[in-house]
Amino acid sequence: MPDALRFPGLSDRGWETMAFSPFRDGIEICVLQPGKPQVALLRYQPGADAPRHRHAGLETVLVLDGSQSDENGHYPVGSFVVNPAGTEHSVRSDEGCVVLIQWTEPVIFLEGE
């Protein structure tokens, strides 16, 4: 049986000491749990965006720092967003942000790839 993973202080900027690597232009990733579902932190630089994509599975996002937006709204710190399978959107962060994200399947990019 695998060991449980713990990340104390994550919501109190504990992510600042974690190792991130390049993910997309202007976006870095810190994988907390690989596989399905995958759990990670994404750090958006100010002005970074992810092009329009479709969710093949469930995605959940908790905004830990800054804010991000999509066609459906603007999400400041503390926002929790659930994107069910089949939903589509593009994401941007004008000020930069850090989010805790979980997805059950990789997304399908519809533009910008």
C-alpha atoms as a PDB file:
ATOM      1  CA  MET A   1       0.000   0.000   0.000  1.00  0.00           C
ATOM      2  CA  PRO A   2       1.487   3.402  -0.966  1.00  0.00           C
ATOM      3  CA  ASP A   3       2.246   6.012   1.663  1.00  0.00           C
ATOM      4  CA  ALA A   4      -0.008   9.032   2.000  1.00  0.00           C
ATOM      5  CA  LEU A   5       1.461  12.302   0.779  1.00  0.00           C
ATOM      6  CA  ARG A   6       1.268  15.394   2.974  1.00  0.00           C
ATOM      7  CA  PHE A   7       2.000  19.030   2.170  1.00  0.00           C
ATOM      8  CA  PRO A   8       1.669  21.054   5.385  1.00  0.00           C
ATOM      9  CA  GLY A   9       1.261  24.791   5.051  1.00  0.00           C
ATOM     10  CA  LEU A  10       0.389  24.655   1.361  1.00  0.00           C
ATOM     11  CA  SER A  11      -2.366  27.270   1.705  1.00  0.00           C
ATOM     12  CA  ASP A  12      -0.035  29.485   3.785  1.00  0.00           C
ATOM     13  CA  ARG A  13       2.434  29.952   0.902  1.00  0.00           C
ATOM     14  CA  GLY A  14       4.195  26.632   1.573  1.00  0.00           C
ATOM     15  CA  TRP A  15       4.372  26.267  -2.207  1.00  0.00           C
ATOM     16  CA  GLU A  16       7.048  29.006  -2.297  1.00  0.00           C
ATOM     17  CA  THR A  17       9.763  26.505  -1.301  1.00  0.00           C
ATOM     18  CA  MET A  18       8.639  23.772  -3.715  1.00  0.00           C
ATOM     19  CA  ALA A  19      10.445  22.917  -6.962  1.00  0.00           C
ATOM     20  CA  PHE A  20       8.624  23.920 -10.151  1.00  0.00           C
ATOM     21  CA  SER A  21       9.583  23.051 -13.722  1.00  0.00           C
ATOM     22  CA  PRO A  22       8.493  24.447 -17.115  1.00  0.00           C
ATOM     23  CA  PHE A  23       5.033  23.314 -18.239  1.00  0.00           C
ATOM     24  CA  ARG A  24       3.806  25.765 -20.902  1.00  0.00           C
ATOM     25  CA  ASP A  25       4.957  29.216 -21.971  1.00  0.00           C
ATOM     26  CA  GLY A  26       4.665  31.324 -18.803  1.00  0.00           C
ATOM     27  CA  ILE A  27       3.363  28.435 -16.686  1.00  0.00           C
ATOM     28  CA  GLU A  28       5.356  26.171 -14.358  1.00  0.00           C
ATOM     29  CA  ILE A  29       4.292  22.916 -12.697  1.00  0.00           C
ATOM     30  CA  CYS A  30       5.075  21.146  -9.441  1.00  0.00           C
ATOM     31  CA  VAL A  31       3.635  17.619  -9.572  1.00  0.00           C
ATOM     32  CA  LEU A  32       2.410  16.504  -6.160  1.00  0.00           C
ATOM     33  CA  GLN A  33       0.879  13.180  -7.262  1.00  0.00           C
ATOM     34  CA  PRO A  34       1.505  11.758 -10.746  1.00  0.00           C
ATOM     35  CA  GLY A  35      -0.897   9.410 -12.497  1.00  0.00           C
ATOM     36  CA  LYS A  36      -4.667   9.402 -12.573  1.00  0.00           C
ATOM     37  CA  PRO A  37      -5.831  11.522 -11.008  1.00  0.00           C
ATOM     38  CA  GLN A  38      -2.855  13.835 -11.236  1.00  0.00           C
ATOM     39  CA  VAL A  39      -2.469  16.529  -8.582  1.00  0.00           C
ATOM     40  CA  ALA A  40      -0.145  19.483  -9.110  1.00  0.00           C
ATOM     41  CA  LEU A  41       0.547  23.116  -8.470  1.00  0.00           C
ATOM     42  CA  LEU A  42       0.580  25.429 -11.477  1.00  0.00           C
ATOM     43  CA  ARG A  43       2.300  28.804 -11.243  1.00  0.00           C
ATOM     44  CA  TYR A  44       1.245  31.343 -13.888  1.00  0.00           C
ATOM     45  CA  GLN A  45       3.464  34.345 -14.599  1.00  0.00           C
ATOM     46  CA  PRO A  46       1.572  37.644 -15.025  1.00  0.00           C
ATOM     47  CA  GLY A  47      -0.138  37.615 -18.413  1.00  0.00           C
ATOM     48  CA  ALA A  48       0.258  33.856 -18.967  1.00  0.00           C
ATOM     49  CA  ASP A  49      -2.557  31.859 -20.495  1.00  0.00           C
ATOM     50  CA  ALA A  50      -3.564  28.357 -21.486  1.00  0.00           C
ATOM     51  CA  PRO A  51      -5.311  28.136 -24.873  1.00  0.00           C
ATOM     52  CA  ARG A  52      -8.851  26.858 -25.337  1.00  0.00           C
ATOM     53  CA  HIS A  53      -9.130  23.222 -24.310  1.00  0.00           C
ATOM     54  CA  ARG A  54     -11.715  20.536 -23.572  1.00  0.00           C
ATOM     55  CA  HIS A  55     -11.743  18.517 -20.396  1.00  0.00           C
ATOM     56  CA  ALA A  56     -11.705  14.774 -21.125  1.00  0.00           C
ATOM     57  CA  GLY A  57     -12.264  14.133 -17.406  1.00  0.00           C
ATOM     58  CA  LEU A  58     -12.988  16.025 -14.216  1.00  0.00           C
ATOM     59  CA  GLU A  59     -10.713  18.934 -13.277  1.00  0.00           C
ATOM     60  CA  THR A  60     -10.767  20.827  -9.980  1.00  0.00           C
ATOM     61  CA  VAL A  61      -8.847  24.040  -9.277  1.00  0.00           C
ATOM     62  CA  LEU A  62      -8.223  25.879  -5.990  1.00  0.00           C
ATOM     63  CA  VAL A  63      -6.650  29.339  -6.338  1.00  0.00           C
ATOM     64  CA  LEU A  64      -3.919  29.715  -3.675  1.00  0.00           C
ATOM     65  CA  ASP A  65      -2.384  33.038  -4.780  1.00  0.00           C
ATOM     66  CA  GLY A  66      -3.235  35.775  -7.283  1.00  0.00           C
ATOM     67  CA  SER A  67      -6.186  35.166  -9.570  1.00  0.00           C
ATOM     68  CA  GLN A  68      -7.132  33.565 -12.853  1.00  0.00           C
ATOM     69  CA  SER A  69      -9.991  34.022 -15.278  1.00  0.00           C
ATOM     70  CA  ASP A  70     -11.813  32.189 -18.019  1.00  0.00           C
ATOM     71  CA  GLU A  71     -14.864  32.873 -20.176  1.00  0.00           C
ATOM     72  CA  ASN A  72     -17.117  32.094 -17.206  1.00  0.00           C
ATOM     73  CA  GLY A  73     -15.626  34.410 -14.589  1.00  0.00           C
ATOM     74  CA  HIS A  74     -12.767  35.759 -12.498  1.00  0.00           C
ATOM     75  CA  TYR A  75     -11.382  33.644  -9.631  1.00  0.00           C
ATOM     76  CA  PRO A  76      -9.411  35.305  -6.803  1.00  0.00           C
ATOM     77  CA  VAL A  77      -7.635  33.563  -3.903  1.00  0.00           C
ATOM     78  CA  GLY A  78      -9.842  30.941  -2.274  1.00  0.00           C
ATOM     79  CA  SER A  79     -11.925  30.277  -5.384  1.00  0.00           C
ATOM     80  CA  PHE A  80     -12.692  26.622  -6.106  1.00  0.00           C
ATOM     81  CA  VAL A  81     -13.590  25.758  -9.697  1.00  0.00           C
ATOM     82  CA  VAL A  82     -14.961  22.425 -10.935  1.00  0.00           C
ATOM     83  CA  ASN A  83     -14.722  21.711 -14.674  1.00  0.00           C
ATOM     84  CA  PRO A  84     -16.650  18.514 -15.516  1.00  0.00           C
ATOM     85  CA  ALA A  85     -15.741  16.259 -18.435  1.00  0.00           C
ATOM     86  CA  GLY A  86     -16.808  17.798 -21.742  1.00  0.00           C
ATOM     87  CA  THR A  87     -16.497  21.436 -20.657  1.00  0.00           C
ATOM     88  CA  GLU A  88     -14.302  23.856 -22.632  1.00  0.00           C
ATOM     89  CA  HIS A  89     -12.525  27.091 -21.784  1.00  0.00           C
ATOM     90  CA  SER A  90      -9.293  29.035 -22.004  1.00  0.00           C
ATOM     91  CA  VAL A  91      -7.496  30.277 -18.877  1.00  0.00           C
ATOM     92  CA  ARG A  92      -5.495  33.433 -18.249  1.00  0.00           C
ATOM     93  CA  SER A  93      -3.916  35.167 -15.289  1.00  0.00           C
ATOM     94  CA  ASP A  94      -3.367  38.888 -15.709  1.00  0.00           C
ATOM     95  CA  GLU A  95      -1.606  39.292 -12.339  1.00  0.00           C
ATOM     96  CA  GLY A  96      -0.109  35.795 -12.063  1.00  0.00           C
ATOM     97  CA  CYS A  97      -1.325  33.053  -9.766  1.00  0.00           C
ATOM     98  CA  VAL A  98      -0.655  29.716  -8.106  1.00  0.00           C
ATOM     99  CA  VAL A  99      -3.358  27.058  -8.238  1.00  0.00           C
ATOM    100  CA  LEU A 100      -3.756  23.578  -6.813  1.00  0.00           C
ATOM    101  CA  ILE A 101      -5.150  21.502  -9.659  1.00  0.00           C
ATOM    102  CA  GLN A 102      -6.361  17.930  -9.996  1.00  0.00           C
ATOM    103  CA  TRP A 103      -7.387  16.251 -13.230  1.00  0.00           C
ATOM    104  CA  THR A 104      -8.483  12.723 -14.003  1.00  0.00           C
ATOM    105  CA  GLU A 105      -7.553  12.856 -17.715  1.00  0.00           C
ATOM    106  CA  PRO A 106      -5.266  15.116 -19.773  1.00  0.00           C
ATOM    107  CA  VAL A 107      -7.019  18.023 -21.505  1.00  0.00           C
ATOM    108  CA  ILE A 108      -7.483  18.212 -25.271  1.00  0.00           C
ATOM    109  CA  PHE A 109      -6.132  21.500 -26.656  1.00  0.00           C
ATOM    110  CA  LEU A 110      -8.418  22.996 -29.299  1.00  0.00           C
ATOM    111  CA  GLU A 111      -6.185  25.925 -30.281  1.00  0.00           C
ATOM    112  CA  GLY A 112      -2.649  27.161 -29.780  1.00  0.00           C
ATOM    113  CA  GLU A 113      -0.967  23.768 -30.116  1.00  0.00           C
END
